[in-house]
């Protein structure tokens, strides 16, 4: 679908309304559970709840050794943050997007307000007086594009459940959370599910309340190391099905950087190798992957196509500086998805089929015992 077809997304909100026919569509059983039905003004395709950050990108010829000096090639002040970047990417692709988060009463907070307004993302920003906004200093290796992040965040920037705009969340078709913090994310996810919306989560660390949050998540796509931190299982082919079994997620997956992405849907593993691109900066690749996942999910794509679109969007984002520098139009993402060269596979088809059969059989035995 061309970007031009969604030039006025809030008026064309029903363009993707066929999602109820897909395998990964919203749960109809909760459609009438909300305490109050949202009005037309509360409707949106996506509400993204969580972090925003102001990034200072520092490009260097190579990552500095301990006790050394390194010349800075360039530095830039740019907006970022997991949930914030996902909202901006989906808006650029034509969806009606909203963002919920906190900022400090400083120039970085003002930058966030200005950027959301410029991008056309309606933002519910709670300003904390006498508090600095979240900041990150990101060292980018010119040779590889890989980055190292140094960050600072005041605890007063944590959202509280009572600060969330319930009607926005209940009026969304999809709610995206990053778990910062978990109490507010869990409340948002619960309200979304009660209203019949889908919930996606971008998780990278163990925060207090993470297990409660997971109980309300439909599509959990984490960082590579998160499942091991959560369960103590080092093999993703073991840990992803266990997350699905334990918390009831409909899909559990992980982004693998230059190795692509892996997901389990309860019966089968799906794997997408990464696309070969000229990487300039990997900042924001995961955030844009999650944006691509949400966009493709709302488009009713099948899981293999969702992973391919997400990996292609993330790969292209790495070809420019900043968390949002390489967000490309849908047409370019689709072209890379169809024609782009891939990096070497981490998992063979034979390995995935063998593990799928093994885990599906184990899931069936577990279901039988519960009955």
Protein backbone atom coordinates (compact mmCIF):
# COMPACT_ATOMS: atom_id res chain seq x y z
CA UNK A 1 0.00 0.00 0.00
CA UNK A 2 1.52 3.32 -1.02
CA UNK A 3 2.26 5.99 1.59
CA UNK A 4 0.12 8.48 -0.34
CA UNK A 5 -2.97 6.42 0.35
CA UNK A 6 -2.62 7.28 4.02
CA UNK A 7 -1.87 10.98 3.66
CA UNK A 8 -4.60 11.84 6.19
CA UNK A 9 -4.42 8.80 8.49
CA UNK A 10 -6.77 9.94 11.23
CA UNK A 11 -9.58 10.35 8.69
CA UNK A 12 -8.65 7.07 7.01
CA UNK A 13 -8.45 5.17 10.29
CA UNK A 14 -10.45 2.26 8.91
CA UNK A 15 -8.02 1.51 6.06
CA UNK A 16 -6.48 -1.32 8.13
CA UNK A 17 -9.74 -2.46 9.74
CA UNK A 18 -9.45 -5.91 8.12
CA UNK A 19 -7.14 -6.97 10.94
CA UNK A 20 -9.96 -8.88 12.64
CA UNK A 21 -9.75 -11.47 9.87
CA UNK A 22 -6.04 -12.24 10.47
CA UNK A 23 -4.38 -14.84 12.68
CA UNK A 24 -2.82 -12.14 14.84
CA UNK A 25 -5.91 -9.91 15.10
CA UNK A 26 -7.19 -8.33 18.31
CA UNK A 27 -9.06 -10.45 20.83
CA UNK A 28 -12.76 -9.98 20.23
CA UNK A 29 -13.68 -11.46 23.59
CA UNK A 30 -12.59 -8.27 25.35
CA UNK A 31 -14.24 -5.87 22.94
CA UNK A 32 -16.97 -4.76 25.36
CA UNK A 33 -15.05 -4.92 28.63
CA UNK A 34 -13.97 -1.28 28.78
CA UNK A 35 -15.54 0.87 31.47
CA UNK A 36 -16.33 3.60 28.98
CA UNK A 37 -16.34 3.50 25.21
CA UNK A 38 -13.93 5.99 23.61
CA UNK A 39 -15.36 8.61 21.29
CA UNK A 40 -14.20 9.30 17.76
CA UNK A 41 -11.70 11.89 19.01
CA UNK A 42 -9.97 9.20 21.10
CA UNK A 43 -9.39 6.82 18.18
CA UNK A 44 -5.88 6.15 16.87
CA UNK A 45 -4.02 3.38 15.12
CA UNK A 46 -1.20 3.25 17.67
CA UNK A 47 -0.59 4.64 21.14
CA UNK A 48 3.04 4.28 22.21
CA UNK A 49 3.79 4.48 25.92
CA UNK A 50 7.28 4.83 27.37
CA UNK A 51 10.64 6.47 26.86
CA UNK A 52 11.77 9.52 24.98
CA UNK A 53 15.39 10.66 25.06
CA UNK A 54 17.62 13.36 23.66
CA UNK A 55 20.67 11.77 22.09
CA UNK A 56 24.08 13.35 21.63
CA UNK A 57 25.70 11.29 18.87
CA UNK A 58 29.49 11.31 18.85
CA UNK A 59 31.15 9.76 15.80
CA UNK A 60 34.70 8.50 16.28
CA UNK A 61 37.18 6.71 13.95
CA UNK A 62 37.19 3.71 16.30
CA UNK A 63 35.97 2.99 19.80
CA UNK A 64 38.51 4.52 22.21
CA UNK A 65 40.79 2.26 24.21
CA UNK A 66 41.02 2.66 27.98
CA UNK A 67 43.14 5.65 29.08
CA UNK A 68 43.42 7.02 25.52
CA UNK A 69 42.43 10.06 23.47
CA UNK A 70 40.28 9.91 20.35
CA UNK A 71 39.37 12.61 17.85
CA UNK A 72 35.64 13.34 17.42
CA UNK A 73 34.59 13.27 13.77
CA UNK A 74 31.20 14.88 14.40
CA UNK A 75 28.52 15.28 17.03
CA UNK A 76 24.79 15.85 16.74
CA UNK A 77 21.89 16.49 19.12
CA UNK A 78 18.90 14.39 18.02
CA UNK A 79 15.62 13.05 19.45
CA UNK A 80 15.30 9.36 20.31
CA UNK A 81 13.84 6.94 22.85
CA UNK A 82 12.26 3.51 22.33
CA UNK A 83 8.53 4.23 22.41
CA UNK A 84 8.92 7.76 21.03
CA UNK A 85 10.87 6.64 17.96
CA UNK A 86 8.41 3.81 17.26
CA UNK A 87 5.54 6.34 17.25
CA UNK A 88 7.39 8.70 14.90
CA UNK A 89 8.26 5.90 12.46
CA UNK A 90 4.66 4.66 12.26
CA UNK A 91 3.43 8.21 11.73
CA UNK A 92 5.85 8.69 8.83
CA UNK A 93 4.41 5.52 7.33
CA UNK A 94 0.95 7.02 7.42
CA UNK A 95 -0.63 5.76 10.65
CA UNK A 96 -2.47 7.91 13.18
CA UNK A 97 -0.09 7.79 16.16
CA UNK A 98 -0.03 9.05 19.72
CA UNK A 99 2.69 9.04 22.33
CA UNK A 100 2.53 9.13 26.13
CA UNK A 101 5.57 9.96 28.25
CA UNK A 102 7.34 12.41 30.54
CA UNK A 103 9.85 15.18 29.93
CA UNK A 104 11.81 17.56 32.11
CA UNK A 105 11.38 21.31 32.20
CA UNK A 106 14.48 21.94 30.08
CA UNK A 107 15.65 22.48 26.51
CA UNK A 108 15.69 18.71 25.87
CA UNK A 109 12.03 18.54 26.89
CA UNK A 110 11.21 21.42 24.57
CA UNK A 111 13.00 19.59 21.75
CA UNK A 112 10.75 16.57 22.30
CA UNK A 113 7.60 18.73 22.16
CA UNK A 114 8.76 20.42 18.98
CA UNK A 115 9.71 17.15 17.28
CA UNK A 116 6.41 15.42 18.05
CA UNK A 117 4.53 18.45 16.73
CA UNK A 118 6.70 18.58 13.59
CA UNK A 119 6.21 14.86 12.95
CA UNK A 120 2.43 15.04 13.44
CA UNK A 121 2.39 12.73 16.48
CA UNK A 122 -0.14 13.82 19.10
CA UNK A 123 1.77 13.67 22.37
CA UNK A 124 0.56 13.51 25.97
CA UNK A 125 3.70 14.90 27.60
CA UNK A 126 3.82 15.37 31.35
CA UNK A 127 6.45 17.96 32.25
CA UNK A 128 8.30 17.45 35.55
CA UNK A 129 9.50 20.81 36.92
CA UNK A 130 13.10 21.17 38.06
CA UNK A 131 13.95 17.84 36.48
CA UNK A 132 16.26 17.03 33.56
CA UNK A 133 14.87 15.10 30.61
CA UNK A 134 16.43 11.74 29.79
CA UNK A 135 19.77 12.17 28.04
CA UNK A 136 22.04 9.78 26.19
CA UNK A 137 25.57 10.17 24.88
CA UNK A 138 26.08 7.70 22.05
CA UNK A 139 29.54 6.82 20.75
CA UNK A 140 29.31 5.61 17.16
CA UNK A 141 32.19 3.66 15.59
CA UNK A 142 32.66 5.03 12.07
CA UNK A 143 34.00 1.72 10.71
CA UNK A 144 31.18 -0.58 11.83
CA UNK A 145 28.32 1.77 12.70
CA UNK A 146 28.01 0.00 16.06
CA UNK A 147 27.21 2.23 19.03
CA UNK A 148 27.78 2.39 22.77
CA UNK A 149 25.21 4.26 24.86
CA UNK A 150 25.82 6.22 28.05
CA UNK A 151 22.55 7.41 29.54
CA UNK A 152 21.07 9.34 32.44
CA UNK A 153 17.46 9.32 33.62
CA UNK A 154 15.82 10.82 36.69
CA UNK A 155 13.39 8.49 38.50
CA UNK A 156 10.85 11.33 38.56
CA UNK A 157 10.38 10.74 34.83
CA UNK A 158 8.67 7.40 35.56
CA UNK A 159 5.05 7.38 34.42
CA UNK A 160 2.42 6.41 36.99
CA UNK A 161 -0.76 4.55 36.00
CA UNK A 162 -2.99 7.41 37.16
CA UNK A 163 -1.17 9.75 34.75
CA UNK A 164 -2.10 7.74 31.66
CA UNK A 165 -4.87 8.99 29.33
CA UNK A 166 -7.18 5.96 29.58
CA UNK A 167 -9.44 7.00 26.73
CA UNK A 168 -6.50 7.28 24.35
CA UNK A 169 -5.37 3.78 25.28
CA UNK A 170 -8.86 2.28 25.08
CA UNK A 171 -9.35 3.94 21.69
CA UNK A 172 -6.19 2.54 20.07
CA UNK A 173 -6.05 -0.39 17.70
CA UNK A 174 -2.59 -1.26 19.01
CA UNK A 175 -0.73 -0.17 22.14
CA UNK A 176 3.07 -0.36 22.18
CA UNK A 177 5.01 -0.32 25.47
CA UNK A 178 8.68 -0.47 26.37
CA UNK A 179 8.29 -1.27 30.07
CA UNK A 180 9.67 2.04 31.38
CA UNK A 181 8.32 1.75 34.04
CA UNK A 182 6.42 -1.53 34.26
CA UNK A 183 3.52 -0.41 36.47
CA UNK A 184 2.28 2.15 33.95
CA UNK A 185 3.05 -0.14 31.01
CA UNK A 186 1.10 -3.00 32.62
CA UNK A 187 -1.89 -0.73 33.27
CA UNK A 188 -1.85 0.50 29.67
CA UNK A 189 -1.55 -3.06 28.35
CA UNK A 190 -4.41 -4.26 30.54
CA UNK A 191 -6.74 -1.45 29.46
CA UNK A 192 -5.83 -2.03 25.81
CA UNK A 193 -6.59 -5.73 26.02
CA UNK A 194 -9.90 -5.04 27.79
CA UNK A 195 -10.84 -2.76 24.87
CA UNK A 196 -9.92 -5.39 22.27
CA UNK A 197 -6.63 -3.84 21.10
CA UNK A 198 -3.36 -5.65 20.45
CA UNK A 199 -0.36 -5.03 22.71
CA UNK A 200 3.25 -5.12 21.55
CA UNK A 201 6.24 -4.83 23.87
CA UNK A 202 9.88 -3.86 23.36
CA UNK A 203 11.73 -5.24 26.41
CA UNK A 204 15.44 -5.17 27.11
CA UNK A 205 15.92 -5.42 30.86
CA UNK A 206 14.42 -6.80 34.07
CA UNK A 207 12.47 -4.03 35.73
CA UNK A 208 10.28 -4.41 38.84
CA UNK A 209 6.88 -5.68 37.70
CA UNK A 210 8.08 -7.11 34.38
CA UNK A 211 6.27 -10.42 34.89
CA UNK A 212 2.93 -8.71 35.53
CA UNK A 213 3.45 -6.68 32.36
CA UNK A 214 4.17 -9.81 30.31
CA UNK A 215 0.82 -11.28 31.35
CA UNK A 216 -0.89 -8.51 29.36
CA UNK A 217 1.32 -8.56 26.25
CA UNK A 218 0.30 -10.20 22.96
CA UNK A 219 3.53 -9.75 21.00
CA UNK A 220 6.73 -9.72 23.04
CA UNK A 221 9.83 -8.96 20.97
CA UNK A 222 12.81 -8.43 23.26
CA UNK A 223 16.51 -7.84 23.00
CA UNK A 224 18.68 -10.90 22.48
CA UNK A 225 19.71 -11.19 26.15
CA UNK A 226 16.36 -10.49 27.81
CA UNK A 227 14.95 -14.06 27.78
CA UNK A 228 18.05 -15.39 29.52
CA UNK A 229 17.87 -12.66 32.16
CA UNK A 230 14.20 -13.45 32.69
CA UNK A 231 14.33 -17.25 32.75
CA UNK A 232 17.97 -18.24 33.09
CA UNK A 233 17.83 -20.09 29.73
CA UNK A 234 20.64 -19.24 27.33
CA UNK A 235 19.10 -20.86 24.25
CA UNK A 236 16.40 -18.77 22.56
CA UNK A 237 14.93 -21.93 21.06
CA UNK A 238 14.17 -22.98 24.64
CA UNK A 239 13.36 -19.63 26.25
CA UNK A 240 10.97 -18.12 23.71
CA UNK A 241 8.47 -21.01 23.88
CA UNK A 242 8.74 -20.92 27.67
CA UNK A 243 7.82 -17.22 27.72
CA UNK A 244 4.78 -17.99 25.57
CA UNK A 245 3.80 -20.89 27.82
CA UNK A 246 4.36 -19.08 31.09
CA UNK A 247 2.88 -15.67 30.29
CA UNK A 248 0.43 -16.41 27.48
CA UNK A 249 2.02 -14.18 24.84
CA UNK A 250 0.71 -14.99 21.38
CA UNK A 251 4.17 -14.42 19.87
CA UNK A 252 7.51 -14.30 21.71
CA UNK A 253 10.57 -13.19 19.82
CA UNK A 254 13.96 -11.51 19.97
CA UNK A 255 15.91 -9.10 17.80
CA UNK A 256 19.41 -10.39 17.09
CA UNK A 257 21.23 -7.39 15.62
CA UNK A 258 23.18 -8.37 12.53
CA UNK A 259 21.79 -11.92 12.92
CA UNK A 260 18.19 -10.82 12.22
CA UNK A 261 15.17 -11.81 14.31
CA UNK A 262 13.60 -14.99 15.70
CA UNK A 263 9.99 -15.56 16.82
CA UNK A 264 7.81 -18.37 18.20
CA UNK A 265 4.03 -18.30 17.65
CA UNK A 266 3.08 -21.23 19.87
CA UNK A 267 3.44 -23.87 17.16
CA UNK A 268 6.39 -22.87 14.99
CA UNK A 269 9.62 -20.87 14.91
CA UNK A 270 10.06 -18.14 12.30
CA UNK A 271 13.44 -16.64 11.51
CA UNK A 272 14.48 -13.71 9.33
CA UNK A 273 18.18 -13.14 8.60
CA UNK A 274 19.31 -9.52 8.60
CA UNK A 275 19.61 -7.54 5.39
CA UNK A 276 23.03 -6.50 4.13
CA UNK A 277 23.25 -2.69 4.27
CA UNK A 278 25.99 -0.09 4.53
CA UNK A 279 25.65 0.58 8.26
CA UNK A 280 26.49 4.10 9.42
CA UNK A 281 24.85 4.04 12.87
CA UNK A 282 22.88 1.26 14.56
CA UNK A 283 21.21 3.65 17.02
CA UNK A 284 17.44 3.17 16.96
CA UNK A 285 17.51 0.00 14.86
CA UNK A 286 15.53 -1.93 17.48
CA UNK A 287 13.05 0.91 17.92
CA UNK A 288 12.36 1.02 14.19
CA UNK A 289 12.12 -2.79 14.09
CA UNK A 290 9.28 -2.55 16.62
CA UNK A 291 7.63 0.20 14.60
CA UNK A 292 7.81 -2.02 11.54
CA UNK A 293 6.37 -4.93 13.49
CA UNK A 294 3.39 -2.85 14.63
CA UNK A 295 2.81 -1.39 11.16
CA UNK A 296 2.98 -4.76 9.42
CA UNK A 297 0.82 -6.36 12.11
CA UNK A 298 -1.92 -3.78 11.59
CA UNK A 299 -1.62 -4.40 7.87
CA UNK A 300 -2.58 -8.05 8.54
CA UNK A 301 0.66 -9.50 7.24
CA UNK A 302 1.59 -13.05 8.22
CA UNK A 303 4.34 -13.46 10.79
CA UNK A 304 7.14 -14.23 8.27
CA UNK A 305 6.29 -11.06 6.33
CA UNK A 306 6.07 -9.06 9.58
CA UNK A 307 9.59 -10.12 10.52
CA UNK A 308 10.92 -9.37 7.05
CA UNK A 309 9.35 -5.89 6.93
CA UNK A 310 10.63 -5.13 10.43
CA UNK A 311 14.18 -6.30 9.66
CA UNK A 312 14.22 -4.33 6.41
CA UNK A 313 13.00 -1.16 8.17
CA UNK A 314 15.60 -1.60 10.91
CA UNK A 315 18.39 -2.25 8.42
CA UNK A 316 17.61 0.88 6.40
CA UNK A 317 17.51 2.95 9.56
CA UNK A 318 21.16 1.99 10.14
CA UNK A 319 22.20 3.73 6.91
CA UNK A 320 21.96 7.22 8.45
CA UNK A 321 22.87 8.88 11.72
CA UNK A 322 20.49 8.96 14.67
CA UNK A 323 17.62 6.93 16.03
CA UNK A 324 15.31 8.28 13.30
CA UNK A 325 17.77 9.28 10.60
CA UNK A 326 17.16 6.31 8.33
CA UNK A 327 13.39 5.81 8.64
CA UNK A 328 12.57 5.19 4.99
CA UNK A 329 9.24 5.22 3.10
CA UNK A 330 7.27 1.99 2.97
CA UNK A 331 8.06 1.52 -0.73
CA UNK A 332 11.81 1.48 -0.09
CA UNK A 333 11.38 -0.93 2.81
CA UNK A 334 9.31 -3.25 0.64
CA UNK A 335 11.90 -3.14 -2.13
CA UNK A 336 14.66 -4.17 0.28
CA UNK A 337 12.41 -6.86 1.75
CA UNK A 338 11.78 -8.36 -1.69
CA UNK A 339 15.17 -7.88 -3.34
CA UNK A 340 17.78 -7.09 -0.71
CA UNK A 341 20.80 -9.31 -0.05
CA UNK A 342 20.92 -11.07 3.32
CA UNK A 343 23.63 -11.74 5.84
CA UNK A 344 24.45 -15.31 6.80
CA UNK A 345 21.69 -17.24 8.57
CA UNK A 346 22.09 -17.95 12.27
CA UNK A 347 19.55 -20.81 12.18
CA UNK A 348 19.09 -23.35 9.40
CA UNK A 349 15.63 -24.34 8.19
CA UNK A 350 16.29 -27.89 9.34
CA UNK A 351 17.18 -26.72 12.85
CA UNK A 352 14.07 -24.57 13.08
CA UNK A 353 11.81 -27.41 11.90
CA UNK A 354 13.35 -29.81 14.41
CA UNK A 355 12.95 -27.39 17.32
CA UNK A 356 9.45 -26.41 16.20
CA UNK A 357 8.31 -30.05 16.26
CA UNK A 358 9.94 -30.61 19.62
CA UNK A 359 8.45 -27.52 21.28
CA UNK A 360 5.02 -27.95 19.70
CA UNK A 361 4.88 -31.50 21.07
CA UNK A 362 5.89 -30.25 24.50
CA UNK A 363 3.24 -27.56 24.38
CA UNK A 364 0.60 -30.12 23.45
CA UNK A 365 1.60 -32.34 26.38
CA UNK A 366 1.43 -29.38 28.75
CA UNK A 367 -2.05 -28.43 27.47
CA UNK A 368 -3.22 -32.04 27.85
CA UNK A 369 -2.01 -32.19 31.45
CA UNK A 370 -3.80 -28.93 32.29
CA UNK A 371 -7.08 -30.36 30.97
